[in-house]
PDB file of N, CA and C in Angstrom:
ATOM      1  N   UNK A   1      76.511   0.092 161.271  1.00  0.00           N
ATOM      2  CA  UNK A   1      75.585   1.016 160.679  1.00  0.00           C
ATOM      3  C   UNK A   1      76.241   2.395 160.649  1.00  0.00           C
ATOM      4  N   UNK A   2      76.156   3.062 159.517  1.00  0.00           N
ATOM      5  CA  UNK A   2      76.738   4.388 159.345  1.00  0.00           C
ATOM      6  C   UNK A   2      75.694   5.438 159.699  1.00  0.00           C
ATOM      7  N   UNK A   3      75.947   6.197 160.765  1.00  0.00           N
ATOM      8  CA  UNK A   3      74.996   7.227 161.188  1.00  0.00           C
ATOM      9  C   UNK A   3      75.568   8.623 161.012  1.00  0.00           C
ATOM     10  N   UNK A   4      76.571   8.751 160.168  1.00  0.00           N
ATOM     11  CA  UNK A   4      77.202  10.054 159.958  1.00  0.00           C
ATOM     12  C   UNK A   4      76.214  11.028 159.315  1.00  0.00           C
ATOM     13  N   UNK A   5      76.316  12.266 159.724  1.00  0.00           N
ATOM     14  CA  UNK A   5      75.443  13.312 159.166  1.00  0.00           C
ATOM     15  C   UNK A   5      75.849  13.603 157.728  1.00  0.00           C
ATOM     16  N   UNK A   6      74.898  14.065 156.903  1.00  0.00           N
ATOM     17  CA  UNK A   6      75.233  14.409 155.514  1.00  0.00           C
ATOM     18  C   UNK A   6      76.278  15.528 155.481  1.00  0.00           C
ATOM     19  N   UNK A   7      77.156  15.442 154.516  1.00  0.00           N
ATOM     20  CA  UNK A   7      78.186  16.460 154.378  1.00  0.00           C
ATOM     21  C   UNK A   7      77.594  17.734 153.797  1.00  0.00           C
ATOM     22  N   UNK A   8      78.353  18.813 153.919  1.00  0.00           N
ATOM     23  CA  UNK A   8      77.921  20.090 153.369  1.00  0.00           C
ATOM     24  C   UNK A   8      77.743  19.985 151.861  1.00  0.00           C
ATOM     25  N   UNK A   9      78.660  19.290 151.190  1.00  0.00           N
ATOM     26  CA  UNK A   9      78.553  19.124 149.736  1.00  0.00           C
ATOM     27  C   UNK A   9      77.276  18.371 149.369  1.00  0.00           C
ATOM     28  N   UNK A  10      76.944  17.363 150.149  1.00  0.00           N
ATOM     29  CA  UNK A  10      75.724  16.588 149.898  1.00  0.00           C
ATOM     30  C   UNK A  10      74.498  17.477 150.045  1.00  0.00           C
ATOM     31  N   UNK A  11      74.477  18.309 151.087  1.00  0.00           N
ATOM     32  CA  UNK A  11      73.350  19.217 151.297  1.00  0.00           C
ATOM     33  C   UNK A  11      73.234  20.225 150.162  1.00  0.00           C
ATOM     34  N   UNK A  12      74.371  20.737 149.694  1.00  0.00           N
ATOM     35  CA  UNK A  12      74.359  21.693 148.588  1.00  0.00           C
ATOM     36  C   UNK A  12      73.823  21.046 147.313  1.00  0.00           C
ATOM     37  N   UNK A  13      74.272  19.825 147.049  1.00  0.00           N
ATOM     38  CA  UNK A  13      73.819  19.115 145.858  1.00  0.00           C
ATOM     39  C   UNK A  13      72.318  18.862 145.904  1.00  0.00           C
ATOM     40  N   UNK A  14      71.815  18.447 147.027  1.00  0.00           N
ATOM     41  CA  UNK A  14      70.376  18.215 147.170  1.00  0.00           C
ATOM     42  C   UNK A  14      69.613  19.523 146.967  1.00  0.00           C
ATOM     43  N   UNK A  15      70.125  20.624 147.518  1.00  0.00           N
ATOM     44  CA  UNK A  15      69.482  21.923 147.341  1.00  0.00           C
ATOM     45  C   UNK A  15      69.442  22.350 145.894  1.00  0.00           C
ATOM     46  N   UNK A  16      70.545  22.137 145.184  1.00  0.00           N
ATOM     47  CA  UNK A  16      70.612  22.490 143.768  1.00  0.00           C
ATOM     48  C   UNK A  16      69.615  21.663 142.965  1.00  0.00           C
ATOM     49  N   UNK A  17      69.589  20.372 143.199  1.00  0.00           N
ATOM     50  CA  UNK A  17      68.680  19.490 142.462  1.00  0.00           C
ATOM     51  C   UNK A  17      67.221  19.847 142.727  1.00  0.00           C
ATOM     52  N   UNK A  18      66.892  20.132 143.962  1.00  0.00           N
ATOM     53  CA  UNK A  18      65.513  20.507 144.275  1.00  0.00           C
ATOM     54  C   UNK A  18      65.137  21.831 143.625  1.00  0.00           C
ATOM     55  N   UNK A  19      66.065  22.769 143.579  1.00  0.00           N
ATOM     56  CA  UNK A  19      65.804  24.056 142.926  1.00  0.00           C
ATOM     57  C   UNK A  19      65.549  23.874 141.442  1.00  0.00           C
ATOM     58  N   UNK A  20      66.361  23.047 140.795  1.00  0.00           N
ATOM     59  CA  UNK A  20      66.203  22.799 139.367  1.00  0.00           C
ATOM     60  C   UNK A  20      64.877  22.103 139.083  1.00  0.00           C
ATOM     61  N   UNK A  21      64.544  21.105 139.875  1.00  0.00           N
ATOM     62  CA  UNK A  21      63.279  20.385 139.684  1.00  0.00           C
ATOM     63  C   UNK A  21      62.105  21.345 139.860  1.00  0.00           C
ATOM     64  N   UNK A  22      62.159  22.184 140.881  1.00  0.00           N
ATOM     65  CA  UNK A  22      61.082  23.143 141.105  1.00  0.00           C
ATOM     66  C   UNK A  22      60.941  24.087 139.919  1.00  0.00           C
ATOM     67  N   UNK A  23      62.069  24.621 139.447  1.00  0.00           N
ATOM     68  CA  UNK A  23      62.020  25.575 138.342  1.00  0.00           C
ATOM     69  C   UNK A  23      61.462  24.931 137.078  1.00  0.00           C
ATOM     70  N   UNK A  24      61.870  23.716 136.808  1.00  0.00           N
ATOM     71  CA  UNK A  24      61.428  23.046 135.587  1.00  0.00           C
ATOM     72  C   UNK A  24      59.955  22.647 135.627  1.00  0.00           C
ATOM     73  N   UNK A  25      59.438  22.386 136.811  1.00  0.00           N
ATOM     74  CA  UNK A  25      58.055  21.922 136.884  1.00  0.00           C
ATOM     75  C   UNK A  25      57.046  23.034 137.129  1.00  0.00           C
ATOM     76  N   UNK A  26      57.421  24.042 137.888  1.00  0.00           N
ATOM     77  CA  UNK A  26      56.436  25.060 138.296  1.00  0.00           C
ATOM     78  C   UNK A  26      56.508  26.348 137.507  1.00  0.00           C
ATOM     79  N   UNK A  27      57.680  26.793 137.163  1.00  0.00           N
ATOM     80  CA  UNK A  27      57.813  28.109 136.566  1.00  0.00           C
ATOM     81  C   UNK A  27      57.097  28.273 135.226  1.00  0.00           C
ATOM     82  N   UNK A  28      57.230  27.346 134.267  1.00  0.00           N
ATOM     83  CA  UNK A  28      56.549  27.564 132.976  1.00  0.00           C
ATOM     84  C   UNK A  28      55.036  27.721 133.121  1.00  0.00           C
ATOM     85  N   UNK A  29      54.431  26.906 133.951  1.00  0.00           N
ATOM     86  CA  UNK A  29      52.982  27.005 134.132  1.00  0.00           C
ATOM     87  C   UNK A  29      52.606  28.316 134.823  1.00  0.00           C
ATOM     88  N   UNK A  30      53.403  28.748 135.781  1.00  0.00           N
ATOM     89  CA  UNK A  30      53.129  30.013 136.463  1.00  0.00           C
ATOM     90  C   UNK A  30      53.235  31.182 135.493  1.00  0.00           C
ATOM     91  N   UNK A  31      54.231  31.148 134.627  1.00  0.00           N
ATOM     92  CA  UNK A  31      54.378  32.213 133.645  1.00  0.00           C
ATOM     93  C   UNK A  31      53.209  32.218 132.667  1.00  0.00           C
ATOM     94  N   UNK A  32      52.749  31.038 132.291  1.00  0.00           N
ATOM     95  CA  UNK A  32      51.633  30.954 131.354  1.00  0.00           C
ATOM     96  C   UNK A  32      50.369  31.556 131.956  1.00  0.00           C
ATOM     97  N   UNK A  33      50.134  31.326 133.239  1.00  0.00           N
ATOM     98  CA  UNK A  33      48.961  31.890 133.899  1.00  0.00           C
ATOM     99  C   UNK A  33      49.078  33.410 133.947  1.00  0.00           C
ATOM    100  N   UNK A  34      50.276  33.901 134.303  1.00  0.00           N
ATOM    101  CA  UNK A  34      50.473  35.351 134.402  1.00  0.00           C
ATOM    102  C   UNK A  34      50.304  36.052 133.053  1.00  0.00           C
ATOM    103  N   UNK A  35      50.738  35.408 131.993  1.00  0.00           N
ATOM    104  CA  UNK A  35      50.706  36.040 130.682  1.00  0.00           C
ATOM    105  C   UNK A  35      49.497  35.631 129.858  1.00  0.00           C
ATOM    106  N   UNK A  36      48.648  34.746 130.417  1.00  0.00           N
ATOM    107  CA  UNK A  36      47.451  34.288 129.741  1.00  0.00           C
ATOM    108  C   UNK A  36      47.763  33.648 128.387  1.00  0.00           C
ATOM    109  N   UNK A  37      48.767  32.776 128.368  1.00  0.00           N
ATOM    110  CA  UNK A  37      49.132  32.029 127.163  1.00  0.00           C
ATOM    111  C   UNK A  37      49.226  30.552 127.505  1.00  0.00           C
ATOM    112  N   UNK A  38      49.296  29.746 126.497  1.00  0.00           N
ATOM    113  CA  UNK A  38      49.406  28.308 126.665  1.00  0.00           C
ATOM    114  C   UNK A  38      50.759  27.951 127.282  1.00  0.00           C
ATOM    115  N   UNK A  39      50.765  27.049 128.279  1.00  0.00           N
ATOM    116  CA  UNK A  39      52.018  26.653 128.933  1.00  0.00           C
ATOM    117  C   UNK A  39      52.977  26.000 127.944  1.00  0.00           C
ATOM    118  N   UNK A  40      52.475  25.339 126.915  1.00  0.00           N
ATOM    119  CA  UNK A  40      53.327  24.721 125.909  1.00  0.00           C
ATOM    120  C   UNK A  40      54.196  25.725 125.172  1.00  0.00           C
ATOM    121  N   UNK A  41      53.786  26.974 125.168  1.00  0.00           N
ATOM    122  CA  UNK A  41      54.553  28.041 124.534  1.00  0.00           C
ATOM    123  C   UNK A  41      55.972  28.096 125.077  1.00  0.00           C
ATOM    124  N   UNK A  42      56.131  27.817 126.369  1.00  0.00           N
ATOM    125  CA  UNK A  42      57.449  27.917 126.991  1.00  0.00           C
ATOM    126  C   UNK A  42      58.342  26.731 126.706  1.00  0.00           C
ATOM    127  N   UNK A  43      57.808  25.688 126.100  1.00  0.00           N
ATOM    128  CA  UNK A  43      58.618  24.525 125.803  1.00  0.00           C
ATOM    129  C   UNK A  43      59.022  24.448 124.338  1.00  0.00           C
ATOM    130  N   UNK A  44      58.679  25.448 123.546  1.00  0.00           N
ATOM    131  CA  UNK A  44      59.051  25.459 122.138  1.00  0.00           C
ATOM    132  C   UNK A  44      60.544  25.714 121.997  1.00  0.00           C
ATOM    133  N   UNK A  45      61.110  25.270 120.884  1.00  0.00           N
ATOM    134  CA  UNK A  45      62.541  25.402 120.668  1.00  0.00           C
ATOM    135  C   UNK A  45      62.994  26.842 120.467  1.00  0.00           C
ATOM    136  N   UNK A  46      62.088  27.768 120.298  1.00  0.00           N
ATOM    137  CA  UNK A  46      62.490  29.162 120.118  1.00  0.00           C
ATOM    138  C   UNK A  46      62.835  29.826 121.446  1.00  0.00           C
ATOM    139  N   UNK A  47      62.525  29.190 122.545  1.00  0.00           N
ATOM    140  CA  UNK A  47      62.835  29.748 123.864  1.00  0.00           C
ATOM    141  C   UNK A  47      64.152  29.162 124.347  1.00  0.00           C
ATOM    142  N   UNK A  48      65.102  30.018 124.673  1.00  0.00           N
ATOM    143  CA  UNK A  48      66.428  29.554 125.084  1.00  0.00           C
ATOM    144  C   UNK A  48      66.548  29.411 126.585  1.00  0.00           C
ATOM    145  N   UNK A  49      67.435  28.535 126.980  1.00  0.00           N
ATOM    146  CA  UNK A  49      67.697  28.339 128.395  1.00  0.00           C
ATOM    147  C   UNK A  49      69.002  28.976 128.827  1.00  0.00           C
ATOM    148  N   UNK A  50      69.572  29.819 127.964  1.00  0.00           N
ATOM    149  CA  UNK A  50      70.861  30.424 128.266  1.00  0.00           C
ATOM    150  C   UNK A  50      70.779  31.265 129.536  1.00  0.00           C
ATOM    151  N   UNK A  51      69.724  32.048 129.682  1.00  0.00           N
ATOM    152  CA  UNK A  51      69.608  32.885 130.885  1.00  0.00           C
ATOM    153  C   UNK A  51      69.329  32.025 132.111  1.00  0.00           C
ATOM    154  N   UNK A  52      68.694  30.873 131.931  1.00  0.00           N
ATOM    155  CA  UNK A  52      68.477  29.967 133.048  1.00  0.00           C
ATOM    156  C   UNK A  52      69.804  29.426 133.551  1.00  0.00           C
ATOM    157  N   UNK A  53      70.697  29.093 132.612  1.00  0.00           N
ATOM    158  CA  UNK A  53      72.024  28.627 133.009  1.00  0.00           C
ATOM    159  C   UNK A  53      72.804  29.731 133.706  1.00  0.00           C
ATOM    160  N   UNK A  54      72.686  30.949 133.229  1.00  0.00           N
ATOM    161  CA  UNK A  54      73.351  32.074 133.884  1.00  0.00           C
ATOM    162  C   UNK A  54      72.798  32.266 135.299  1.00  0.00           C
ATOM    163  N   UNK A  55      71.503  32.090 135.458  1.00  0.00           N
ATOM    164  CA  UNK A  55      70.890  32.188 136.790  1.00  0.00           C
ATOM    165  C   UNK A  55      71.384  31.071 137.701  1.00  0.00           C
ATOM    166  N   UNK A  56      71.528  29.881 137.139  1.00  0.00           N
ATOM    167  CA  UNK A  56      72.052  28.761 137.930  1.00  0.00           C
ATOM    168  C   UNK A  56      73.484  29.047 138.370  1.00  0.00           C
ATOM    169  N   UNK A  57      74.272  29.661 137.496  1.00  0.00           N
ATOM    170  CA  UNK A  57      75.644  30.025 137.857  1.00  0.00           C
ATOM    171  C   UNK A  57      75.642  31.033 139.007  1.00  0.00           C
ATOM    172  N   UNK A  58      74.736  32.005 138.947  1.00  0.00           N
ATOM    173  CA  UNK A  58      74.647  32.984 140.035  1.00  0.00           C
ATOM    174  C   UNK A  58      74.224  32.302 141.340  1.00  0.00           C
ATOM    175  N   UNK A  59      73.306  31.335 141.244  1.00  0.00           N
ATOM    176  CA  UNK A  59      72.872  30.604 142.425  1.00  0.00           C
ATOM    177  C   UNK A  59      74.051  29.844 143.032  1.00  0.00           C
ATOM    178  N   UNK A  60      74.831  29.185 142.183  1.00  0.00           N
ATOM    179  CA  UNK A  60      75.999  28.454 142.679  1.00  0.00           C
ATOM    180  C   UNK A  60      76.988  29.401 143.356  1.00  0.00           C
ATOM    181  N   UNK A  61      77.232  30.549 142.724  1.00  0.00           N
ATOM    182  CA  UNK A  61      78.221  31.504 143.239  1.00  0.00           C
ATOM    183  C   UNK A  61      77.772  32.149 144.553  1.00  0.00           C
ATOM    184  N   UNK A  62      76.545  32.663 144.593  1.00  0.00           N
ATOM    185  CA  UNK A  62      76.129  33.485 145.717  1.00  0.00           C
ATOM    186  C   UNK A  62      75.359  32.738 146.808  1.00  0.00           C
ATOM    187  N   UNK A  63      74.667  31.663 146.453  1.00  0.00           N
ATOM    188  CA  UNK A  63      73.905  30.930 147.461  1.00  0.00           C
ATOM    189  C   UNK A  63      74.685  29.762 148.043  1.00  0.00           C
ATOM    190  N   UNK A  64      75.522  29.145 147.212  1.00  0.00           N
ATOM    191  CA  UNK A  64      76.204  27.931 147.656  1.00  0.00           C
ATOM    192  C   UNK A  64      77.721  28.091 147.730  1.00  0.00           C
ATOM    193  N   UNK A  65      78.226  29.303 147.465  1.00  0.00           N
ATOM    194  CA  UNK A  65      79.662  29.593 147.538  1.00  0.00           C
ATOM    195  C   UNK A  65      80.482  28.604 146.695  1.00  0.00           C
ATOM    196  N   UNK A  66      80.004  28.347 145.479  1.00  0.00           N
ATOM    197  CA  UNK A  66      80.666  27.416 144.555  1.00  0.00           C
ATOM    198  C   UNK A  66      81.150  28.195 143.328  1.00  0.00           C
ATOM    199  N   UNK A  67      82.116  29.078 143.558  1.00  0.00           N
ATOM    200  CA  UNK A  67      82.596  29.988 142.509  1.00  0.00           C
ATOM    201  C   UNK A  67      83.226  29.245 141.334  1.00  0.00           C
ATOM    202  N   UNK A  68      83.948  28.178 141.595  1.00  0.00           N
ATOM    203  CA  UNK A  68      84.603  27.438 140.510  1.00  0.00           C
ATOM    204  C   UNK A  68      83.581  26.842 139.543  1.00  0.00           C
ATOM    205  N   UNK A  69      82.530  26.266 140.085  1.00  0.00           N
ATOM    206  CA  UNK A  69      81.481  25.685 139.255  1.00  0.00           C
ATOM    207  C   UNK A  69      80.730  26.772 138.490  1.00  0.00           C
ATOM    208  N   UNK A  70      80.477  27.901 139.152  1.00  0.00           N
ATOM    209  CA  UNK A  70      79.801  29.021 138.494  1.00  0.00           C
ATOM    210  C   UNK A  70      80.648  29.555 137.348  1.00  0.00           C
ATOM    211  N   UNK A  71      81.961  29.668 137.575  1.00  0.00           N
ATOM    212  CA  UNK A  71      82.857  30.125 136.512  1.00  0.00           C
ATOM    213  C   UNK A  71      82.816  29.190 135.310  1.00  0.00           C
ATOM    214  N   UNK A  72      82.754  27.875 135.572  1.00  0.00           N
ATOM    215  CA  UNK A  72      82.717  26.898 134.478  1.00  0.00           C
ATOM    216  C   UNK A  72      81.479  27.103 133.609  1.00  0.00           C
ATOM    217  N   UNK A  73      80.326  27.295 134.238  1.00  0.00           N
ATOM    218  CA  UNK A  73      79.090  27.509 133.480  1.00  0.00           C
ATOM    219  C   UNK A  73      79.153  28.821 132.712  1.00  0.00           C
ATOM    220  N   UNK A  74      79.561  29.903 133.383  1.00  0.00           N
ATOM    221  CA  UNK A  74      79.637  31.203 132.722  1.00  0.00           C
ATOM    222  C   UNK A  74      80.611  31.193 131.547  1.00  0.00           C
ATOM    223  N   UNK A  75      81.749  30.533 131.719  1.00  0.00           N
ATOM    224  CA  UNK A  75      82.733  30.457 130.637  1.00  0.00           C
ATOM    225  C   UNK A  75      82.217  29.635 129.458  1.00  0.00           C
ATOM    226  N   UNK A  76      81.494  28.554 129.736  1.00  0.00           N
ATOM    227  CA  UNK A  76      80.932  27.731 128.664  1.00  0.00           C
ATOM    228  C   UNK A  76      79.874  28.509 127.881  1.00  0.00           C
ATOM    229  N   UNK A  77      79.000  29.213 128.583  1.00  0.00           N
ATOM    230  CA  UNK A  77      77.974  30.019 127.915  1.00  0.00           C
ATOM    231  C   UNK A  77      78.628  31.102 127.069  1.00  0.00           C
ATOM    232  N   UNK A  78      79.613  31.795 127.634  1.00  0.00           N
ATOM    233  CA  UNK A  78      80.313  32.856 126.895  1.00  0.00           C
ATOM    234  C   UNK A  78      81.003  32.317 125.656  1.00  0.00           C
ATOM    235  N   UNK A  79      81.625  31.146 125.775  1.00  0.00           N
ATOM    236  CA  UNK A  79      82.330  30.562 124.630  1.00  0.00           C
ATOM    237  C   UNK A  79      81.371  30.254 123.487  1.00  0.00           C
ATOM    238  N   UNK A  80      80.214  29.679 123.811  1.00  0.00           N
ATOM    239  CA  UNK A  80      79.231  29.354 122.773  1.00  0.00           C
ATOM    240  C   UNK A  80      78.691  30.631 122.125  1.00  0.00           C
ATOM    241  N   UNK A  81      78.415  31.644 122.936  1.00  0.00           N
ATOM    242  CA  UNK A  81      77.937  32.913 122.382  1.00  0.00           C
ATOM    243  C   UNK A  81      79.022  33.572 121.524  1.00  0.00           C
ATOM    244  N   UNK A  82      80.282  33.474 121.958  1.00  0.00           N
ATOM    245  CA  UNK A  82      81.383  34.039 121.176  1.00  0.00           C
ATOM    246  C   UNK A  82      81.539  33.351 119.823  1.00  0.00           C
ATOM    247  N   UNK A  83      81.128  32.084 119.751  1.00  0.00           N
ATOM    248  CA  UNK A  83      81.179  31.347 118.483  1.00  0.00           C
ATOM    249  C   UNK A  83      80.044  31.759 117.548  1.00  0.00           C
ATOM    250  N   UNK A  84      79.118  32.580 118.031  1.00  0.00           N
ATOM    251  CA  UNK A  84      78.052  33.107 117.180  1.00  0.00           C
ATOM    252  C   UNK A  84      76.724  32.384 117.274  1.00  0.00           C
ATOM    253  N   UNK A  85      76.606  31.398 118.146  1.00  0.00           N
ATOM    254  CA  UNK A  85      75.339  30.667 118.278  1.00  0.00           C
ATOM    255  C   UNK A  85      74.340  31.493 119.075  1.00  0.00           C
ATOM    256  N   UNK A  86      73.080  31.488 118.618  1.00  0.00           N
ATOM    257  CA  UNK A  86      72.017  32.223 119.291  1.00  0.00           C
ATOM    258  C   UNK A  86      70.708  31.452 119.174  1.00  0.00           C
ATOM    259  N   UNK A  87      69.912  31.507 120.237  1.00  0.00           N
ATOM    260  CA  UNK A  87      68.544  31.014 120.157  1.00  0.00           C
ATOM    261  C   UNK A  87      67.678  32.184 119.709  1.00  0.00           C
ATOM    262  N   UNK A  88      66.451  31.898 119.315  1.00  0.00           N
ATOM    263  CA  UNK A  88      65.584  32.931 118.739  1.00  0.00           C
ATOM    264  C   UNK A  88      65.352  34.106 119.691  1.00  0.00           C
ATOM    265  N   UNK A  89      65.314  33.836 120.999  1.00  0.00           N
ATOM    266  CA  UNK A  89      65.025  34.913 121.947  1.00  0.00           C
ATOM    267  C   UNK A  89      66.172  35.899 122.117  1.00  0.00           C
ATOM    268  N   UNK A  90      67.387  35.530 121.716  1.00  0.00           N
ATOM    269  CA  UNK A  90      68.515  36.461 121.831  1.00  0.00           C
ATOM    270  C   UNK A  90      69.157  36.751 120.470  1.00  0.00           C
ATOM    271  N   UNK A  91      68.502  36.311 119.414  1.00  0.00           N
ATOM    272  CA  UNK A  91      69.010  36.572 118.062  1.00  0.00           C
ATOM    273  C   UNK A  91      68.685  38.010 117.678  1.00  0.00           C
ATOM    274  N   UNK A  92      69.684  38.776 117.233  1.00  0.00           N
ATOM    275  CA  UNK A  92      69.399  40.164 116.845  1.00  0.00           C
ATOM    276  C   UNK A  92      68.480  40.236 115.628  1.00  0.00           C
ATOM    277  N   UNK A  93      67.915  41.407 115.416  1.00  0.00           N
ATOM    278  CA  UNK A  93      66.999  41.617 114.290  1.00  0.00           C
ATOM    279  C   UNK A  93      67.703  41.376 112.954  1.00  0.00           C
ATOM    280  N   UNK A  94      68.953  41.754 112.847  1.00  0.00           N
ATOM    281  CA  UNK A  94      69.751  41.511 111.637  1.00  0.00           C
ATOM    282  C   UNK A  94      70.771  40.422 111.979  1.00  0.00           C
ATOM    283  N   UNK A  95      70.424  39.144 111.744  1.00  0.00           N
ATOM    284  CA  UNK A  95      71.241  38.045 112.255  1.00  0.00           C
ATOM    285  C   UNK A  95      72.501  37.712 111.450  1.00  0.00           C
ATOM    286  N   UNK A  96      73.048  38.665 110.709  1.00  0.00           N
ATOM    287  CA  UNK A  96      74.263  38.386 109.935  1.00  0.00           C
ATOM    288  C   UNK A  96      75.393  38.002 110.888  1.00  0.00           C
ATOM    289  N   UNK A  97      76.041  36.882 110.584  1.00  0.00           N
ATOM    290  CA  UNK A  97      77.165  36.429 111.399  1.00  0.00           C
ATOM    291  C   UNK A  97      76.786  35.572 112.585  1.00  0.00           C
ATOM    292  N   UNK A  98      75.495  35.336 112.780  1.00  0.00           N
ATOM    293  CA  UNK A  98      75.048  34.505 113.891  1.00  0.00           C
ATOM    294  C   UNK A  98      74.426  33.221 113.363  1.00  0.00           C
ATOM    295  N   UNK A  99      74.489  32.179 114.173  1.00  0.00           N
ATOM    296  CA  UNK A  99      73.939  30.880 113.802  1.00  0.00           C
ATOM    297  C   UNK A  99      72.744  30.609 114.712  1.00  0.00           C
ATOM    298  N   UNK A 100      71.555  30.513 114.123  1.00  0.00           N
ATOM    299  CA  UNK A 100      70.346  30.276 114.913  1.00  0.00           C
ATOM    300  C   UNK A 100      70.239  28.783 115.230  1.00  0.00           C
ATOM    301  N   UNK A 101      70.057  28.478 116.524  1.00  0.00           N
ATOM    302  CA  UNK A 101      69.895  27.096 116.973  1.00  0.00           C
ATOM    303  C   UNK A 101      68.716  27.037 117.941  1.00  0.00           C
ATOM    304  N   UNK A 102      68.169  25.864 118.115  1.00  0.00           N
ATOM    305  CA  UNK A 102      67.123  25.660 119.119  1.00  0.00           C
ATOM    306  C   UNK A 102      67.757  25.515 120.493  1.00  0.00           C
ATOM    307  N   UNK A 103      66.932  25.538 121.528  1.00  0.00           N
ATOM    308  CA  UNK A 103      67.494  25.496 122.877  1.00  0.00           C
ATOM    309  C   UNK A 103      68.123  24.136 123.193  1.00  0.00           C
ATOM    310  N   UNK A 104      67.642  23.061 122.585  1.00  0.00           N
ATOM    311  CA  UNK A 104      68.260  21.762 122.808  1.00  0.00           C
ATOM    312  C   UNK A 104      69.682  21.743 122.267  1.00  0.00           C
ATOM    313  N   UNK A 105      69.859  22.267 121.064  1.00  0.00           N
ATOM    314  CA  UNK A 105      71.201  22.318 120.480  1.00  0.00           C
ATOM    315  C   UNK A 105      72.098  23.279 121.263  1.00  0.00           C
ATOM    316  N   UNK A 106      71.545  24.415 121.712  1.00  0.00           N
ATOM    317  CA  UNK A 106      72.326  25.363 122.502  1.00  0.00           C
ATOM    318  C   UNK A 106      72.808  24.694 123.789  1.00  0.00           C
ATOM    319  N   UNK A 107      71.924  23.952 124.433  1.00  0.00           N
ATOM    320  CA  UNK A 107      72.314  23.227 125.642  1.00  0.00           C
ATOM    321  C   UNK A 107      73.403  22.209 125.374  1.00  0.00           C
ATOM    322  N   UNK A 108      73.308  21.520 124.244  1.00  0.00           N
ATOM    323  CA  UNK A 108      74.339  20.542 123.875  1.00  0.00           C
ATOM    324  C   UNK A 108      75.679  21.216 123.628  1.00  0.00           C
ATOM    325  N   UNK A 109      75.663  22.360 122.975  1.00  0.00           N
ATOM    326  CA  UNK A 109      76.906  23.098 122.715  1.00  0.00           C
ATOM    327  C   UNK A 109      77.547  23.552 124.029  1.00  0.00           C
ATOM    328  N   UNK A 110      76.740  24.041 124.932  1.00  0.00           N
ATOM    329  CA  UNK A 110      77.261  24.488 126.228  1.00  0.00           C
ATOM    330  C   UNK A 110      77.797  23.294 127.016  1.00  0.00           C
ATOM    331  N   UNK A 111      77.075  22.181 126.974  1.00  0.00           N
ATOM    332  CA  UNK A 111      77.532  20.977 127.658  1.00  0.00           C
ATOM    333  C   UNK A 111      78.885  20.510 127.127  1.00  0.00           C
ATOM    334  N   UNK A 112      79.074  20.581 125.810  1.00  0.00           N
ATOM    335  CA  UNK A 112      80.360  20.174 125.234  1.00  0.00           C
ATOM    336  C   UNK A 112      81.493  21.062 125.735  1.00  0.00           C
ATOM    337  N   UNK A 113      81.236  22.353 125.879  1.00  0.00           N
ATOM    338  CA  UNK A 113      82.266  23.252 126.421  1.00  0.00           C
ATOM    339  C   UNK A 113      82.551  22.930 127.890  1.00  0.00           C
ATOM    340  N   UNK A 114      81.534  22.523 128.632  1.00  0.00           N
ATOM    341  CA  UNK A 114      81.758  22.142 130.029  1.00  0.00           C
ATOM    342  C   UNK A 114      82.606  20.876 130.130  1.00  0.00           C
ATOM    343  N   UNK A 115      82.393  19.945 129.198  1.00  0.00           N
ATOM    344  CA  UNK A 115      83.160  18.690 129.203  1.00  0.00           C
ATOM    345  C   UNK A 115      84.636  18.924 128.920  1.00  0.00           C
ATOM    346  N   UNK A 116      84.950  19.925 128.113  1.00  0.00           N
ATOM    347  CA  UNK A 116      86.329  20.142 127.680  1.00  0.00           C
ATOM    348  C   UNK A 116      87.102  21.070 128.602  1.00  0.00           C
ATOM    349  N   UNK A 117      86.482  21.528 129.650  1.00  0.00           N
ATOM    350  CA  UNK A 117      87.213  22.465 130.524  1.00  0.00           C
ATOM    351  C   UNK A 117      88.217  21.766 131.387  1.00  0.00           C
TER     352      UNK A 117
END
């Protein structure tokens, strides 16, 4: 029988997963109550998750001392933004030269950059 204690990496991974699950399940409804709007508003494609990914990178860097992983996320987000892709929440008023995408497509673009690193 293996009675070894969980490794530090295992504990960090569990912490990250629990944080993500909490954010995805509780935050949109809490924001809807605070702003007196429908919770479904936060799940529309016009709302981007780019800042959420940046926050996750900061969490990895400063809470879990995972600078390499944080750099990968930040570099992927920067690369997609440098290519001109924008979700509606960060699209400038005069969108010349920018490509408007929904948050699902933005996430896919960022994921592709993470795969190629």
